[in-house]
N, C-alpha and C. Protein backbone atom coordinates (compact mmCIF):
# COMPACT_ATOMS: atom_id res chain seq x y z
N UNK A 1 117.39 88.17 100.46
CA UNK A 1 118.44 87.16 100.54
C UNK A 1 118.03 85.95 99.71
N UNK A 2 119.00 85.39 98.98
CA UNK A 2 118.75 84.17 98.21
C UNK A 2 118.84 82.99 99.17
N UNK A 3 117.77 82.21 99.34
CA UNK A 3 117.81 81.10 100.31
C UNK A 3 118.85 80.05 99.93
N UNK A 4 119.44 79.45 100.95
CA UNK A 4 120.37 78.34 100.75
C UNK A 4 119.59 77.04 100.90
N UNK A 5 119.75 76.15 99.95
CA UNK A 5 119.07 74.86 99.99
C UNK A 5 120.03 73.76 100.43
N UNK A 6 119.67 73.09 101.50
CA UNK A 6 120.42 71.91 101.94
C UNK A 6 119.98 70.74 101.06
N UNK A 7 120.92 70.15 100.36
CA UNK A 7 120.59 69.13 99.36
C UNK A 7 120.72 67.71 99.89
N UNK A 8 121.73 67.44 100.68
CA UNK A 8 121.92 66.10 101.23
C UNK A 8 122.64 66.20 102.57
N UNK A 9 122.31 65.27 103.46
CA UNK A 9 122.86 65.28 104.81
C UNK A 9 122.93 63.84 105.31
N UNK A 10 124.09 63.42 105.78
CA UNK A 10 124.27 62.08 106.34
C UNK A 10 125.27 62.12 107.50
N UNK A 11 125.11 61.13 108.40
CA UNK A 11 126.03 60.99 109.53
C UNK A 11 126.69 59.62 109.50
N UNK A 12 127.97 59.59 109.84
CA UNK A 12 128.71 58.34 109.97
C UNK A 12 129.19 58.26 111.42
N UNK A 13 128.48 57.53 112.30
CA UNK A 13 128.84 57.52 113.72
C UNK A 13 130.13 56.78 114.02
N UNK A 14 130.58 55.94 113.09
CA UNK A 14 131.83 55.22 113.29
C UNK A 14 132.48 55.02 111.92
N UNK A 15 132.98 56.10 111.37
CA UNK A 15 133.54 56.07 110.02
C UNK A 15 134.83 55.25 109.98
N UNK A 16 135.09 54.69 108.82
CA UNK A 16 136.31 53.91 108.64
C UNK A 16 137.53 54.80 108.88
N UNK A 17 138.51 54.33 109.65
CA UNK A 17 139.69 55.15 109.95
C UNK A 17 140.43 55.66 108.72
N UNK A 18 140.48 54.84 107.67
CA UNK A 18 141.17 55.28 106.45
C UNK A 18 140.47 56.48 105.83
N UNK A 19 139.14 56.45 105.84
CA UNK A 19 138.39 57.59 105.31
C UNK A 19 138.59 58.82 106.17
N UNK A 20 138.56 58.65 107.48
CA UNK A 20 138.78 59.79 108.38
C UNK A 20 140.15 60.43 108.12
N UNK A 21 141.16 59.61 107.98
CA UNK A 21 142.50 60.14 107.72
C UNK A 21 142.54 60.87 106.39
N UNK A 22 141.91 60.30 105.38
CA UNK A 22 141.93 60.91 104.05
C UNK A 22 141.24 62.26 104.04
N UNK A 23 140.26 62.44 104.91
CA UNK A 23 139.52 63.71 104.98
C UNK A 23 140.13 64.70 105.96
N UNK A 24 141.22 64.32 106.61
CA UNK A 24 141.91 65.25 107.50
C UNK A 24 141.39 65.28 108.91
N UNK A 25 140.61 64.29 109.31
CA UNK A 25 140.09 64.27 110.67
C UNK A 25 141.17 63.78 111.64
N UNK A 26 141.25 64.35 112.83
CA UNK A 26 142.20 63.83 113.83
C UNK A 26 141.88 62.37 114.15
N UNK A 27 142.88 61.65 114.62
CA UNK A 27 142.71 60.21 114.87
C UNK A 27 141.56 59.92 115.83
N UNK A 28 141.36 60.80 116.80
CA UNK A 28 140.32 60.55 117.80
C UNK A 28 138.92 60.89 117.29
N UNK A 29 138.83 61.59 116.16
CA UNK A 29 137.53 61.99 115.61
C UNK A 29 137.06 60.95 114.59
N UNK A 30 136.31 59.96 115.05
CA UNK A 30 135.86 58.89 114.16
C UNK A 30 134.39 59.04 113.78
N UNK A 31 133.76 60.14 114.18
CA UNK A 31 132.37 60.40 113.81
C UNK A 31 132.33 61.55 112.80
N UNK A 32 131.57 61.37 111.72
CA UNK A 32 131.54 62.38 110.66
C UNK A 32 130.11 62.80 110.37
N UNK A 33 129.95 64.07 109.95
CA UNK A 33 128.71 64.57 109.41
C UNK A 33 128.97 65.14 108.03
N UNK A 34 128.21 64.72 107.03
CA UNK A 34 128.42 65.09 105.63
C UNK A 34 127.28 65.97 105.16
N UNK A 35 127.61 67.08 104.50
CA UNK A 35 126.60 68.06 104.10
C UNK A 35 126.89 68.56 102.69
N UNK A 36 125.84 68.66 101.87
CA UNK A 36 125.98 69.36 100.59
C UNK A 36 124.86 70.38 100.48
N UNK A 37 125.19 71.55 99.90
CA UNK A 37 124.21 72.61 99.70
C UNK A 37 124.45 73.25 98.33
N UNK A 38 123.59 74.21 98.00
CA UNK A 38 123.76 74.91 96.72
C UNK A 38 124.43 76.27 96.88
N UNK A 39 125.12 76.50 98.01
CA UNK A 39 125.82 77.78 98.21
C UNK A 39 127.07 77.54 99.04
N UNK A 40 128.24 77.66 98.41
CA UNK A 40 129.47 77.30 99.12
C UNK A 40 129.85 78.26 100.23
N UNK A 41 129.85 79.56 99.96
CA UNK A 41 130.37 80.49 100.96
C UNK A 41 129.49 80.59 102.20
N UNK A 42 128.18 80.58 102.01
CA UNK A 42 127.29 80.56 103.17
C UNK A 42 127.52 79.29 103.98
N UNK A 43 127.79 78.19 103.30
CA UNK A 43 128.04 76.93 104.00
C UNK A 43 129.35 76.98 104.77
N UNK A 44 130.38 77.63 104.23
CA UNK A 44 131.62 77.76 104.98
C UNK A 44 131.40 78.56 106.26
N UNK A 45 130.61 79.61 106.18
CA UNK A 45 130.30 80.41 107.37
C UNK A 45 129.54 79.56 108.38
N UNK A 46 128.60 78.76 107.88
CA UNK A 46 127.81 77.90 108.76
C UNK A 46 128.67 76.81 109.40
N UNK A 47 129.56 76.21 108.62
CA UNK A 47 130.44 75.19 109.19
C UNK A 47 131.34 75.78 110.27
N UNK A 48 131.78 77.00 110.06
CA UNK A 48 132.58 77.67 111.09
C UNK A 48 131.77 77.84 112.36
N UNK A 49 130.49 78.19 112.23
CA UNK A 49 129.63 78.33 113.41
C UNK A 49 129.53 77.02 114.17
N UNK A 50 129.57 75.90 113.45
CA UNK A 50 129.50 74.59 114.10
C UNK A 50 130.65 74.40 115.07
N UNK A 51 131.83 74.91 114.71
CA UNK A 51 133.01 74.72 115.58
C UNK A 51 132.92 75.54 116.85
N UNK A 52 132.03 76.54 116.85
CA UNK A 52 131.83 77.34 118.07
C UNK A 52 130.73 76.76 118.94
N UNK A 53 129.88 75.92 118.35
CA UNK A 53 128.73 75.40 119.08
C UNK A 53 128.97 74.03 119.68
N UNK A 54 129.96 73.30 119.18
CA UNK A 54 130.20 71.93 119.64
C UNK A 54 131.67 71.58 119.46
N UNK A 55 132.06 70.46 120.07
CA UNK A 55 133.44 70.00 119.97
C UNK A 55 133.62 69.25 118.65
N UNK A 56 133.67 70.02 117.57
CA UNK A 56 133.82 69.45 116.24
C UNK A 56 134.85 70.25 115.46
N UNK A 57 135.31 69.64 114.40
CA UNK A 57 136.28 70.27 113.50
C UNK A 57 135.75 70.17 112.07
N UNK A 58 136.01 71.21 111.29
CA UNK A 58 135.73 71.12 109.86
C UNK A 58 136.92 70.40 109.24
N UNK A 59 136.74 69.13 108.95
CA UNK A 59 137.85 68.32 108.45
C UNK A 59 138.01 68.42 106.94
N UNK A 60 136.91 68.71 106.25
CA UNK A 60 136.98 68.81 104.79
C UNK A 60 135.86 69.72 104.33
N UNK A 61 136.21 70.65 103.43
CA UNK A 61 135.21 71.56 102.86
C UNK A 61 135.74 72.05 101.53
N UNK A 62 135.01 71.74 100.46
CA UNK A 62 135.48 72.12 99.13
C UNK A 62 134.31 72.56 98.26
N UNK A 63 134.57 73.61 97.48
CA UNK A 63 133.61 74.03 96.47
C UNK A 63 133.71 73.11 95.26
N UNK A 64 132.59 72.93 94.58
CA UNK A 64 132.55 72.09 93.39
C UNK A 64 132.57 72.96 92.14
N UNK A 65 133.07 72.44 91.08
CA UNK A 65 133.32 73.23 89.89
C UNK A 65 132.04 73.70 89.20
N UNK A 66 132.08 74.97 88.76
CA UNK A 66 131.06 75.61 87.92
C UNK A 66 129.85 76.13 88.68
N UNK A 67 129.67 75.74 89.94
CA UNK A 67 128.58 76.30 90.72
C UNK A 67 127.31 75.48 90.69
N UNK A 68 126.37 75.84 91.57
CA UNK A 68 125.16 75.05 91.78
C UNK A 68 124.32 74.94 90.51
N UNK A 69 124.30 75.99 89.70
CA UNK A 69 123.47 75.96 88.49
C UNK A 69 123.95 74.93 87.49
N UNK A 70 125.19 74.48 87.65
CA UNK A 70 125.76 73.49 86.73
C UNK A 70 126.16 72.21 87.47
N UNK A 71 125.48 71.93 88.57
CA UNK A 71 125.81 70.75 89.36
C UNK A 71 125.65 69.48 88.53
N UNK A 72 126.51 68.52 88.77
CA UNK A 72 126.53 67.30 87.96
C UNK A 72 125.42 66.32 88.32
N UNK A 73 124.92 66.40 89.55
CA UNK A 73 123.83 65.51 89.99
C UNK A 73 122.87 66.32 90.86
N UNK A 74 121.67 65.82 91.12
CA UNK A 74 120.67 66.61 91.85
C UNK A 74 121.09 67.03 93.25
N UNK A 75 121.94 66.26 93.90
CA UNK A 75 122.25 66.54 95.30
C UNK A 75 123.71 66.93 95.53
N UNK A 76 124.46 67.14 94.44
CA UNK A 76 125.86 67.57 94.58
C UNK A 76 125.94 69.04 94.96
N UNK A 77 125.14 69.87 94.29
CA UNK A 77 125.13 71.29 94.60
C UNK A 77 126.44 71.97 94.29
N UNK A 78 126.86 72.83 95.22
CA UNK A 78 128.03 73.68 94.99
C UNK A 78 129.16 73.40 95.97
N UNK A 79 128.89 72.62 97.01
CA UNK A 79 129.90 72.45 98.06
C UNK A 79 129.63 71.17 98.84
N UNK A 80 130.71 70.58 99.33
CA UNK A 80 130.59 69.50 100.30
C UNK A 80 131.37 69.90 101.54
N UNK A 81 130.78 69.66 102.70
CA UNK A 81 131.44 69.94 103.96
C UNK A 81 131.38 68.73 104.87
N UNK A 82 132.45 68.50 105.62
CA UNK A 82 132.52 67.36 106.53
C UNK A 82 132.94 67.85 107.91
N UNK A 83 132.07 67.61 108.88
CA UNK A 83 132.40 67.84 110.29
C UNK A 83 132.88 66.53 110.90
N UNK A 84 133.87 66.61 111.78
CA UNK A 84 134.31 65.42 112.52
C UNK A 84 134.31 65.72 114.01
N UNK A 85 134.05 64.68 114.79
CA UNK A 85 134.05 64.81 116.24
C UNK A 85 134.25 63.46 116.88
N UNK A 86 134.41 63.47 118.21
CA UNK A 86 134.66 62.22 118.92
C UNK A 86 133.38 61.44 119.19
N UNK A 87 132.24 62.12 119.20
CA UNK A 87 130.98 61.45 119.49
C UNK A 87 129.93 61.83 118.46
N UNK A 88 128.97 60.93 118.21
CA UNK A 88 127.88 61.28 117.30
C UNK A 88 127.10 62.49 117.78
N UNK A 89 126.93 62.62 119.09
CA UNK A 89 126.19 63.76 119.62
C UNK A 89 126.86 65.08 119.32
N UNK A 90 128.19 65.12 119.43
CA UNK A 90 128.91 66.35 119.14
C UNK A 90 128.74 66.74 117.68
N UNK A 91 128.83 65.75 116.79
CA UNK A 91 128.71 66.04 115.36
C UNK A 91 127.29 66.52 115.04
N UNK A 92 126.30 65.88 115.62
CA UNK A 92 124.92 66.31 115.37
C UNK A 92 124.66 67.71 115.94
N UNK A 93 125.22 68.01 117.10
CA UNK A 93 125.06 69.35 117.67
C UNK A 93 125.72 70.41 116.79
N UNK A 94 126.92 70.10 116.31
CA UNK A 94 127.60 71.03 115.42
C UNK A 94 126.84 71.23 114.13
N UNK A 95 126.32 70.14 113.57
CA UNK A 95 125.58 70.24 112.32
C UNK A 95 124.28 71.02 112.53
N UNK A 96 123.64 70.85 113.67
CA UNK A 96 122.42 71.60 113.95
C UNK A 96 122.70 73.10 113.97
N UNK A 97 123.83 73.49 114.54
CA UNK A 97 124.20 74.90 114.54
C UNK A 97 124.48 75.40 113.13
N UNK A 98 125.12 74.57 112.32
CA UNK A 98 125.39 74.95 110.94
C UNK A 98 124.09 75.13 110.16
N UNK A 99 123.17 74.20 110.33
CA UNK A 99 121.90 74.28 109.60
C UNK A 99 121.09 75.49 110.04
N UNK A 100 121.15 75.82 111.31
CA UNK A 100 120.44 77.01 111.80
C UNK A 100 121.00 78.28 111.16
N UNK A 101 122.33 78.38 111.08
CA UNK A 101 122.92 79.57 110.49
C UNK A 101 122.63 79.65 108.99
N UNK A 102 122.53 78.50 108.34
CA UNK A 102 122.23 78.52 106.91
C UNK A 102 120.87 79.15 106.60
N UNK A 103 120.00 79.18 107.56
CA UNK A 103 118.71 79.84 107.36
C UNK A 103 118.80 81.35 107.52
N UNK A 104 119.98 81.84 107.93
CA UNK A 104 120.14 83.27 108.21
C UNK A 104 121.15 83.96 107.31
N UNK A 105 121.98 83.20 106.62
CA UNK A 105 123.06 83.77 105.81
C UNK A 105 122.90 83.34 104.36
N UNK A 106 123.11 84.27 103.44
CA UNK A 106 123.04 83.94 102.03
C UNK A 106 123.45 85.10 101.16
N UNK A 107 123.43 84.87 99.87
CA UNK A 107 123.79 85.90 98.90
C UNK A 107 122.63 86.87 98.71
N UNK A 108 122.97 88.08 98.34
CA UNK A 108 122.00 89.09 97.93
C UNK A 108 121.94 89.13 96.40
N UNK A 109 120.84 89.62 95.89
CA UNK A 109 120.64 89.72 94.44
C UNK A 109 120.51 91.18 94.06
N UNK A 110 121.51 91.70 93.35
CA UNK A 110 121.49 93.07 92.86
C UNK A 110 121.27 93.04 91.36
N UNK A 111 120.02 93.11 90.94
CA UNK A 111 119.68 93.11 89.51
C UNK A 111 120.33 91.95 88.77
N UNK A 112 120.27 90.77 89.37
CA UNK A 112 120.83 89.58 88.74
C UNK A 112 122.27 89.30 89.09
N UNK A 113 122.93 90.21 89.82
CA UNK A 113 124.30 90.00 90.27
C UNK A 113 124.26 89.51 91.71
N UNK A 114 124.65 88.27 91.93
CA UNK A 114 124.64 87.70 93.27
C UNK A 114 125.95 88.02 93.99
N UNK A 115 125.83 88.42 95.26
CA UNK A 115 127.03 88.71 96.04
C UNK A 115 126.77 88.41 97.51
N UNK A 116 127.85 88.14 98.23
CA UNK A 116 127.79 87.91 99.68
C UNK A 116 128.63 88.97 100.37
N UNK A 117 128.03 89.70 101.28
CA UNK A 117 128.74 90.69 102.09
C UNK A 117 128.30 90.47 103.53
N UNK A 118 129.14 89.81 104.31
CA UNK A 118 128.72 89.36 105.65
C UNK A 118 129.86 89.57 106.65
N UNK A 119 129.50 90.02 107.83
CA UNK A 119 130.47 90.13 108.91
C UNK A 119 130.31 88.95 109.85
N UNK A 120 131.39 88.21 110.07
CA UNK A 120 131.43 87.18 111.10
C UNK A 120 132.04 87.86 112.33
N UNK A 121 131.24 88.07 113.35
CA UNK A 121 131.72 88.87 114.48
C UNK A 121 132.81 88.18 115.28
N UNK A 122 132.80 86.86 115.29
CA UNK A 122 133.79 86.11 116.07
C UNK A 122 133.98 84.75 115.42
N UNK A 123 135.10 84.57 114.72
CA UNK A 123 135.28 83.35 113.95
C UNK A 123 135.62 82.17 114.84
N UNK A 124 135.22 80.99 114.37
CA UNK A 124 135.63 79.75 115.01
C UNK A 124 136.91 79.23 114.41
N UNK A 125 137.18 77.95 114.65
CA UNK A 125 138.48 77.41 114.25
C UNK A 125 138.64 77.29 112.74
N UNK A 126 137.54 77.07 112.01
CA UNK A 126 137.65 76.86 110.56
C UNK A 126 138.04 78.15 109.84
N UNK A 127 137.28 79.22 110.03
CA UNK A 127 137.62 80.47 109.34
C UNK A 127 138.88 81.10 109.91
N UNK A 128 139.17 80.86 111.18
CA UNK A 128 140.42 81.36 111.74
C UNK A 128 141.61 80.75 111.00
N UNK A 129 141.52 79.45 110.73
CA UNK A 129 142.59 78.77 109.99
C UNK A 129 142.64 79.27 108.55
N UNK A 130 141.50 79.46 107.93
CA UNK A 130 141.44 79.91 106.55
C UNK A 130 142.05 81.30 106.37
N UNK A 131 141.79 82.18 107.33
CA UNK A 131 142.25 83.56 107.23
C UNK A 131 143.61 83.79 107.90
N UNK A 132 144.07 82.82 108.67
CA UNK A 132 145.33 83.00 109.40
C UNK A 132 145.21 84.01 110.53
N UNK A 133 144.09 83.97 111.25
CA UNK A 133 143.86 84.88 112.38
C UNK A 133 143.52 84.05 113.61
N UNK A 134 143.47 84.71 114.75
CA UNK A 134 143.12 84.04 116.00
C UNK A 134 141.62 83.79 116.06
N UNK A 135 141.23 82.70 116.71
CA UNK A 135 139.81 82.48 116.93
C UNK A 135 139.23 83.65 117.71
N UNK A 136 138.01 84.05 117.37
CA UNK A 136 137.38 85.19 118.01
C UNK A 136 137.56 86.49 117.25
N UNK A 137 138.40 86.49 116.21
CA UNK A 137 138.61 87.68 115.39
C UNK A 137 137.37 87.96 114.55
N UNK A 138 137.09 89.23 114.31
CA UNK A 138 136.01 89.60 113.39
C UNK A 138 136.53 89.58 111.96
N UNK A 139 135.70 89.08 111.05
CA UNK A 139 136.06 89.03 109.63
C UNK A 139 134.91 89.54 108.78
N UNK A 140 135.24 90.29 107.75
CA UNK A 140 134.29 90.59 106.69
C UNK A 140 134.49 89.54 105.60
N UNK A 141 133.44 88.81 105.29
CA UNK A 141 133.47 87.74 104.29
C UNK A 141 132.78 88.30 103.05
N UNK A 142 133.55 88.53 101.98
CA UNK A 142 133.08 89.28 100.82
C UNK A 142 133.29 88.48 99.54
N UNK A 143 132.22 88.22 98.81
CA UNK A 143 132.27 87.39 97.61
C UNK A 143 131.36 87.98 96.54
N UNK A 144 131.82 87.98 95.28
CA UNK A 144 131.01 88.48 94.17
C UNK A 144 131.57 87.89 92.87
N UNK A 145 130.90 88.14 91.75
CA UNK A 145 131.47 87.75 90.46
C UNK A 145 132.83 88.41 90.25
N UNK A 146 133.64 87.93 89.31
CA UNK A 146 135.05 88.33 89.23
C UNK A 146 135.35 89.82 89.24
N UNK A 147 134.84 90.57 88.27
CA UNK A 147 135.17 92.00 88.23
C UNK A 147 134.58 92.73 89.43
N UNK A 148 133.35 92.41 89.78
CA UNK A 148 132.69 93.04 90.92
C UNK A 148 133.46 92.77 92.21
N UNK A 149 134.01 91.56 92.34
CA UNK A 149 134.76 91.21 93.55
C UNK A 149 135.99 92.09 93.72
N UNK A 150 136.75 92.28 92.65
CA UNK A 150 137.97 93.08 92.74
C UNK A 150 137.65 94.55 92.99
N UNK A 151 136.66 95.04 92.28
CA UNK A 151 136.23 96.43 92.46
C UNK A 151 135.71 96.64 93.89
N UNK A 152 134.93 95.69 94.36
CA UNK A 152 134.38 95.80 95.70
C UNK A 152 135.42 95.66 96.79
N UNK A 153 136.40 94.78 96.60
CA UNK A 153 137.47 94.65 97.60
C UNK A 153 138.25 95.95 97.75
N UNK A 154 138.52 96.62 96.64
CA UNK A 154 139.21 97.90 96.71
C UNK A 154 138.41 98.90 97.53
N UNK A 155 137.11 98.95 97.28
CA UNK A 155 136.26 99.87 98.04
C UNK A 155 136.23 99.51 99.51
N UNK A 156 136.17 98.22 99.81
CA UNK A 156 136.11 97.78 101.20
C UNK A 156 137.39 98.11 101.95
N UNK A 157 138.54 97.89 101.30
CA UNK A 157 139.82 98.16 101.96
C UNK A 157 140.05 99.64 102.21
N UNK A 158 139.46 100.48 101.37
CA UNK A 158 139.61 101.92 101.53
C UNK A 158 138.59 102.52 102.50
N UNK A 159 137.56 101.75 102.83
CA UNK A 159 136.47 102.29 103.63
C UNK A 159 136.73 102.22 105.13
N UNK A 160 137.64 101.35 105.55
CA UNK A 160 137.83 101.15 106.99
C UNK A 160 139.22 100.59 107.25
N UNK A 161 139.60 100.56 108.52
CA UNK A 161 140.89 100.01 108.91
C UNK A 161 140.78 98.50 109.02
N UNK A 162 140.90 97.86 107.88
CA UNK A 162 140.83 96.41 107.80
C UNK A 162 142.04 95.91 107.02
N UNK A 163 142.32 94.64 107.21
CA UNK A 163 143.47 94.02 106.54
C UNK A 163 142.99 92.85 105.69
N UNK A 164 143.47 92.78 104.47
CA UNK A 164 143.12 91.67 103.59
C UNK A 164 143.91 90.44 104.01
N UNK A 165 143.22 89.49 104.63
CA UNK A 165 143.88 88.29 105.13
C UNK A 165 143.87 87.15 104.13
N UNK A 166 142.88 87.14 103.24
CA UNK A 166 142.78 86.08 102.24
C UNK A 166 142.12 86.66 101.01
N UNK A 167 142.77 86.54 99.87
CA UNK A 167 142.20 87.01 98.61
C UNK A 167 141.86 85.79 97.75
N UNK A 168 140.59 85.70 97.37
CA UNK A 168 140.16 84.66 96.45
C UNK A 168 140.16 85.27 95.05
N UNK A 169 141.33 85.28 94.44
CA UNK A 169 141.44 85.89 93.12
C UNK A 169 140.66 85.07 92.10
N UNK A 170 139.84 85.71 91.30
CA UNK A 170 139.04 84.95 90.33
C UNK A 170 139.93 84.36 89.24
N UNK A 171 139.50 83.24 88.67
CA UNK A 171 138.26 82.54 88.98
C UNK A 171 138.46 81.51 90.09
N UNK A 172 137.47 81.37 90.93
CA UNK A 172 137.43 80.26 91.87
C UNK A 172 136.77 79.07 91.18
N UNK A 173 136.56 77.99 91.92
CA UNK A 173 135.88 76.83 91.34
C UNK A 173 134.50 77.22 90.79
N UNK A 174 133.86 78.19 91.45
CA UNK A 174 132.52 78.59 91.04
C UNK A 174 132.53 79.88 90.21
N UNK A 175 133.72 80.30 89.78
CA UNK A 175 133.89 81.48 88.93
C UNK A 175 133.54 82.79 89.63
N UNK A 176 133.65 82.81 90.95
CA UNK A 176 133.51 84.04 91.72
C UNK A 176 134.85 84.42 92.31
N UNK A 177 134.89 85.47 93.10
CA UNK A 177 136.10 85.91 93.77
C UNK A 177 135.73 86.68 95.02
N UNK A 178 136.74 87.15 95.75
CA UNK A 178 136.45 87.92 96.95
C UNK A 178 137.58 87.84 97.94
N UNK A 179 137.24 87.95 99.22
CA UNK A 179 138.28 87.92 100.22
C UNK A 179 137.75 87.94 101.63
N UNK A 180 138.67 87.72 102.57
CA UNK A 180 138.40 87.80 104.00
C UNK A 180 139.21 88.95 104.56
N UNK A 181 138.53 89.90 105.21
CA UNK A 181 139.17 91.09 105.76
C UNK A 181 139.00 91.07 107.27
N UNK A 182 140.09 91.35 108.00
CA UNK A 182 140.02 91.36 109.46
C UNK A 182 140.14 92.78 110.00
N UNK A 183 139.60 92.96 111.19
CA UNK A 183 139.65 94.25 111.86
C UNK A 183 138.65 94.27 113.00
N UNK A 184 138.46 95.43 113.60
CA UNK A 184 137.40 95.56 114.59
C UNK A 184 136.06 95.28 113.93
N UNK A 185 135.08 94.84 114.72
CA UNK A 185 133.80 94.50 114.11
C UNK A 185 133.19 95.70 113.39
N UNK A 186 133.31 96.89 113.97
CA UNK A 186 132.76 98.08 113.32
C UNK A 186 133.46 98.35 111.99
N UNK A 187 134.77 98.10 111.94
CA UNK A 187 135.50 98.30 110.69
C UNK A 187 135.09 97.25 109.66
N UNK A 188 134.89 96.01 110.11
CA UNK A 188 134.43 94.96 109.19
C UNK A 188 133.04 95.29 108.65
N UNK A 189 132.19 95.85 109.50
CA UNK A 189 130.86 96.24 109.05
C UNK A 189 130.94 97.33 107.98
N UNK A 190 131.83 98.30 108.20
CA UNK A 190 131.99 99.38 107.22
C UNK A 190 132.54 98.85 105.91
N UNK A 191 133.51 97.94 105.99
CA UNK A 191 134.06 97.33 104.78
C UNK A 191 133.00 96.51 104.05
N UNK A 192 132.23 95.76 104.80
CA UNK A 192 131.13 94.98 104.22
C UNK A 192 130.17 95.87 103.45
N UNK A 193 129.76 96.97 104.07
CA UNK A 193 128.80 97.87 103.43
C UNK A 193 129.38 98.52 102.18
N UNK A 194 130.66 98.88 102.24
CA UNK A 194 131.30 99.49 101.07
C UNK A 194 131.39 98.49 99.92
N UNK A 195 131.69 97.25 100.25
CA UNK A 195 131.74 96.20 99.22
C UNK A 195 130.37 96.04 98.56
N UNK A 196 129.33 95.96 99.37
CA UNK A 196 127.98 95.79 98.84
C UNK A 196 127.60 96.96 97.94
N UNK A 197 127.91 98.17 98.37
CA UNK A 197 127.57 99.35 97.57
C UNK A 197 128.31 99.33 96.23
N UNK A 198 129.57 98.89 96.25
CA UNK A 198 130.35 98.85 95.02
C UNK A 198 129.78 97.82 94.04
N UNK A 199 129.41 96.66 94.55
CA UNK A 199 128.84 95.63 93.68
C UNK A 199 127.51 96.11 93.10
N UNK A 200 126.68 96.73 93.93
CA UNK A 200 125.39 97.20 93.46
C UNK A 200 125.54 98.33 92.45
N UNK A 201 126.59 99.13 92.60
CA UNK A 201 126.86 100.19 91.61
C UNK A 201 127.13 99.58 90.23
N UNK A 202 127.93 98.53 90.21
CA UNK A 202 128.22 97.87 88.93
C UNK A 202 126.96 97.23 88.36
N UNK A 203 126.12 96.66 89.23
CA UNK A 203 124.88 96.06 88.76
C UNK A 203 123.98 97.09 88.08
N UNK A 204 123.99 98.31 88.62
CA UNK A 204 123.17 99.38 88.02
C UNK A 204 123.80 99.92 86.75
N UNK A 205 125.16 100.01 86.75
CA UNK A 205 125.85 100.66 85.63
C UNK A 205 127.14 99.90 85.37
N UNK A 206 127.07 98.80 84.61
CA UNK A 206 128.23 97.94 84.44
C UNK A 206 129.39 98.59 83.69
N UNK A 207 129.09 99.54 82.81
CA UNK A 207 130.16 100.18 82.04
C UNK A 207 130.16 101.67 82.34
N UNK A 208 131.36 102.16 82.67
CA UNK A 208 131.49 103.60 82.90
C UNK A 208 131.28 104.36 81.60
N UNK A 209 130.70 105.55 81.71
CA UNK A 209 130.48 106.39 80.50
C UNK A 209 131.81 106.91 79.98
C-alpha cells in the first residue's frame, strides 16, 4: 500500500459564521477541523469514517488540480477536507477517527500504476450523500488512471450483482477516474477484486497483441 501523508491539520473551535456558511456547515456547527493530505480518495473514505465516529459532518471536501505530485505548495497536497461540528471535542474525535483510517487505506502500486480498490462495508453520511444511497450501505470505492478505470469498472460490474451509483468519468481534477458501486458486501468485495485484477492486467500488458 502507498502510505498517505497528512500534510497539514488545524482546528477552528469558533469559526466565523460567514466562513462556516460558505463551506456548507449547518448554522449550529461553528467548530471546524481542516485537513490536507497527498491522497484524495483515501481521505474521502477517512472523512466518511469520521461521520460514523462522532457527531460531525463533512462540510467541504475537494480534490486539487493535477494531483499531489504537482501540488502548488508543500502542504497543499491533493485534497482539502473540512469537518464541522457543534463542539471542539466532536470535531477532534471525528478527525481522530479519520486519521486512524488514513493509516489503513491507500492506493496500491501495480508496476507504477496506482489504483484504489476498497470496500466500505457501511458508509457514513458523507459517502452516502455522494453515492445517493442510505447510510449503512456497502460500497466498492474504485479509482485508477483513466483507461484502467473504465476497463476496471466494466470488469467490476460484470463480476457481481452491484450497481454503479457514481461514475467519475476521466479526467477528474487529479486525472484519474473510477466509481462507487453498491450492493451486498460480498458483491462489493467481488467487484473490488475484479477491478484490481483488471488494472493489474493492464499494468502487465498495456497493449493487446
